[in-house]
N, C-alpha and C. Protein backbone atom coordinates (compact mmCIF):
# COMPACT_ATOMS: atom_id res chain seq x y z
N UNK A 1 -32.08 8.80 5.70
CA UNK A 1 -30.67 8.08 5.25
C UNK A 1 -30.57 8.63 3.72
N UNK A 2 -29.03 8.90 3.57
CA UNK A 2 -29.47 9.20 2.21
C UNK A 2 -29.24 8.32 1.17
N UNK A 3 -29.19 7.96 -0.19
CA UNK A 3 -29.08 7.50 -1.48
C UNK A 3 -27.86 7.33 -2.42
N UNK A 4 -27.50 6.33 -2.76
CA UNK A 4 -26.45 6.29 -3.86
C UNK A 4 -27.15 5.65 -4.83
N UNK A 5 -26.96 6.80 -6.16
CA UNK A 5 -26.99 6.43 -7.40
C UNK A 5 -26.46 4.70 -8.17
N UNK A 6 -26.78 4.09 -8.64
CA UNK A 6 -26.02 2.64 -9.25
C UNK A 6 -26.17 2.07 -10.58
N UNK A 7 -25.77 2.01 -11.50
CA UNK A 7 -26.44 2.33 -12.71
C UNK A 7 -26.14 0.46 -12.54
N UNK A 8 -27.15 0.41 -13.00
CA UNK A 8 -27.24 -1.41 -13.91
C UNK A 8 -27.00 -1.59 -15.13
N UNK A 9 -26.51 -2.81 -15.33
CA UNK A 9 -26.68 -3.30 -16.76
C UNK A 9 -27.26 -2.96 -17.39
N UNK A 10 -28.63 -3.22 -17.42
CA UNK A 10 -29.73 -2.66 -18.60
C UNK A 10 -30.06 -1.09 -18.53
N UNK A 11 -28.61 -0.04 -17.43
CA UNK A 11 -28.95 0.94 -18.23
C UNK A 11 -30.20 1.67 -17.15
N UNK A 12 -30.32 1.52 -16.57
CA UNK A 12 -31.93 1.90 -15.62
C UNK A 12 -30.53 1.94 -14.11
N UNK A 13 -31.05 3.23 -13.39
CA UNK A 13 -29.90 3.49 -12.58
C UNK A 13 -31.47 2.85 -11.20
N UNK A 14 -30.95 2.49 -10.00
CA UNK A 14 -31.95 2.12 -8.83
C UNK A 14 -30.33 2.94 -7.36
N UNK A 15 -31.64 2.96 -6.40
CA UNK A 15 -30.02 3.46 -5.32
C UNK A 15 -29.92 2.30 -4.70
N UNK A 16 -28.88 2.77 -3.93
CA UNK A 16 -28.74 2.75 -2.52
C UNK A 16 -28.61 2.97 -1.29
N UNK A 17 -28.35 2.43 0.22
CA UNK A 17 -28.19 3.88 0.90
C UNK A 17 -27.06 3.25 1.05
N UNK A 18 -26.85 5.00 2.05
CA UNK A 18 -24.88 4.91 2.09
C UNK A 18 -25.08 5.05 3.42
N UNK A 19 -24.02 4.95 4.38
CA UNK A 19 -24.34 4.87 5.87
C UNK A 19 -23.42 6.46 6.02
N UNK A 20 -23.36 7.05 5.38
CA UNK A 20 -21.83 8.18 6.54
C UNK A 20 -22.74 9.43 6.33
N UNK A 21 -24.44 9.36 6.76
CA UNK A 21 -25.25 10.88 6.76
C UNK A 21 -25.28 10.94 8.10
N UNK A 22 -25.29 11.81 8.21
CA UNK A 22 -25.23 12.83 9.89
C UNK A 22 -25.83 14.26 9.63
N UNK A 23 -26.56 13.96 11.60
CA UNK A 23 -26.82 15.35 11.44
C UNK A 23 -26.51 16.24 12.23
N UNK A 24 -25.83 16.64 11.82
CA UNK A 24 -24.47 17.75 12.60
C UNK A 24 -23.28 18.22 11.23
N UNK A 25 -23.21 18.80 11.81
CA UNK A 25 -22.07 19.73 10.86
C UNK A 25 -20.73 18.77 10.49
N UNK A 26 -20.48 18.47 9.47
CA UNK A 26 -18.60 17.61 9.98
C UNK A 26 -17.53 18.43 9.74
N UNK A 27 -16.71 17.88 10.56
CA UNK A 27 -15.29 18.38 10.74
C UNK A 27 -14.55 17.96 9.71
N UNK A 28 -12.66 18.46 9.63
CA UNK A 28 -12.30 17.06 8.29
C UNK A 28 -12.29 16.23 9.15
N UNK A 29 -11.81 15.82 10.16
CA UNK A 29 -11.95 14.39 10.83
C UNK A 29 -12.54 13.79 10.41
N UNK A 30 -14.07 14.08 10.55
CA UNK A 30 -15.27 13.69 10.32
C UNK A 30 -14.75 13.46 8.47
N UNK A 31 -14.54 14.05 7.61
CA UNK A 31 -14.43 13.56 6.26
C UNK A 31 -13.11 13.02 5.54
N UNK A 32 -11.81 13.15 6.54
CA UNK A 32 -11.05 12.17 6.38
C UNK A 32 -10.41 10.48 6.73
N UNK A 33 -11.81 10.13 7.56
CA UNK A 33 -12.60 8.87 7.68
C UNK A 33 -13.31 8.17 6.56
N UNK A 34 -13.82 9.35 5.74
CA UNK A 34 -14.82 9.07 4.62
C UNK A 34 -14.16 7.74 4.07
N UNK A 35 -14.94 6.56 2.69
CA UNK A 35 -14.18 5.79 2.34
C UNK A 35 -14.02 6.51 1.13
N UNK A 36 -13.22 6.03 0.00
CA UNK A 36 -13.52 6.52 -1.20
C UNK A 36 -13.91 5.88 -1.87
N UNK A 37 -14.32 6.84 -3.14
CA UNK A 37 -16.08 6.31 -3.62
C UNK A 37 -15.41 6.67 -5.05
N UNK A 38 -15.26 4.96 -5.60
CA UNK A 38 -14.12 5.62 -7.36
C UNK A 38 -15.37 6.16 -7.54
N UNK A 39 -15.04 7.50 -8.79
CA UNK A 39 -16.39 7.50 -9.90
C UNK A 39 -16.58 9.37 -9.20
N UNK A 40 -15.83 9.19 -7.78
CA UNK A 40 -17.01 10.32 -6.68
C UNK A 40 -15.93 11.38 -6.48
N UNK A 41 -15.95 12.80 -6.75
CA UNK A 41 -15.23 14.26 -5.65
C UNK A 41 -16.68 14.19 -4.32
N UNK A 42 -15.57 13.86 -3.71
CA UNK A 42 -15.75 14.66 -1.84
C UNK A 42 -15.78 15.73 -1.60
N UNK A 43 -16.20 16.61 -1.37
CA UNK A 43 -15.83 17.44 -0.75
C UNK A 43 -16.43 18.39 0.79
N UNK A 44 -15.87 18.96 1.55
CA UNK A 44 -16.26 19.42 2.68
C UNK A 44 -16.69 20.87 2.80
N UNK A 45 -17.81 21.66 2.80
CA UNK A 45 -17.49 22.84 3.15
C UNK A 45 -18.74 23.10 3.65
N UNK A 46 -18.35 24.27 4.73
CA UNK A 46 -18.64 24.50 5.98
C UNK A 46 -19.51 23.65 6.06
N UNK A 47 -18.96 22.44 6.70
CA UNK A 47 -19.58 21.49 7.09
C UNK A 47 -20.35 20.31 6.63
N UNK A 48 -20.92 20.67 5.57
CA UNK A 48 -21.60 19.98 4.66
C UNK A 48 -20.33 19.04 3.91
N UNK A 49 -21.67 17.89 3.70
CA UNK A 49 -20.67 17.16 2.23
C UNK A 49 -21.31 16.86 1.20
N UNK A 50 -20.46 17.73 0.42
CA UNK A 50 -20.76 17.01 -1.29
C UNK A 50 -20.61 16.35 -2.28
N UNK A 51 -21.21 15.85 -2.40
CA UNK A 51 -20.69 14.04 -3.16
C UNK A 51 -21.23 14.47 -5.54
N UNK A 52 -20.41 14.75 -5.57
CA UNK A 52 -20.20 14.86 -7.28
C UNK A 52 -19.62 13.70 -8.28
N UNK A 53 -20.25 13.71 -8.99
CA UNK A 53 -19.66 12.56 -9.77
C UNK A 53 -18.30 13.26 -10.80
N UNK A 54 -17.13 12.66 -11.02
CA UNK A 54 -15.40 12.67 -10.98
C UNK A 54 -16.04 12.83 -12.34
N UNK A 55 -14.90 13.56 -12.80
CA UNK A 55 -14.98 14.41 -14.10
C UNK A 55 -14.30 12.72 -15.46
N UNK A 56 -15.23 12.75 -16.89
CA UNK A 56 -15.37 11.02 -17.25
C UNK A 56 -13.67 11.90 -18.14
N UNK A 57 -13.65 10.51 -18.46
CA UNK A 57 -12.58 9.50 -19.15
C UNK A 57 -12.33 10.76 -20.62
N UNK A 58 -12.69 11.08 -21.17
CA UNK A 58 -13.25 12.37 -22.03
C UNK A 58 -12.86 13.12 -22.23
N UNK A 59 -13.55 13.92 -20.52
CA UNK A 59 -13.57 15.14 -20.54
C UNK A 59 -12.12 15.75 -19.98
N UNK A 60 -11.71 14.83 -19.11
CA UNK A 60 -10.13 14.46 -18.54
C UNK A 60 -8.90 14.61 -19.95
N UNK A 61 -9.54 14.04 -20.88
CA UNK A 61 -8.44 13.97 -21.99
C UNK A 61 -8.82 15.29 -22.40
N UNK A 62 -9.88 15.59 -23.00
CA UNK A 62 -9.97 17.16 -23.45
C UNK A 62 -9.15 18.35 -22.63
N UNK A 63 -8.79 17.70 -21.48
CA UNK A 63 -8.31 19.46 -20.52
C UNK A 63 -7.51 18.96 -20.94
N UNK A 64 -6.70 17.74 -20.93
CA UNK A 64 -5.35 17.84 -20.97
C UNK A 64 -4.73 18.34 -22.38
N UNK A 65 -5.68 18.34 -23.81
CA UNK A 65 -5.36 18.98 -24.53
C UNK A 65 -4.56 20.37 -24.83
C-alpha cells in the first residue's frame, strides 16, 4: 500500500496509507472514480497513476504576470 505525506503543525511530515493502490494498470474509468485531493494533481500515464503536488499560490501568481 502506498503512503500519503501529511505535514503536521510542528512542521514534521508523516505518512498515512492511501486506499487507491492497485496491482494492475488503471483505466480512464478507474481514474475518473478517484477522489479529488486538494493540493495535488493526478495524472494517468500509460495506466500508471502519477500524483504530484499542485503549484503553490505564489507560483500561480508569478505565471499570471
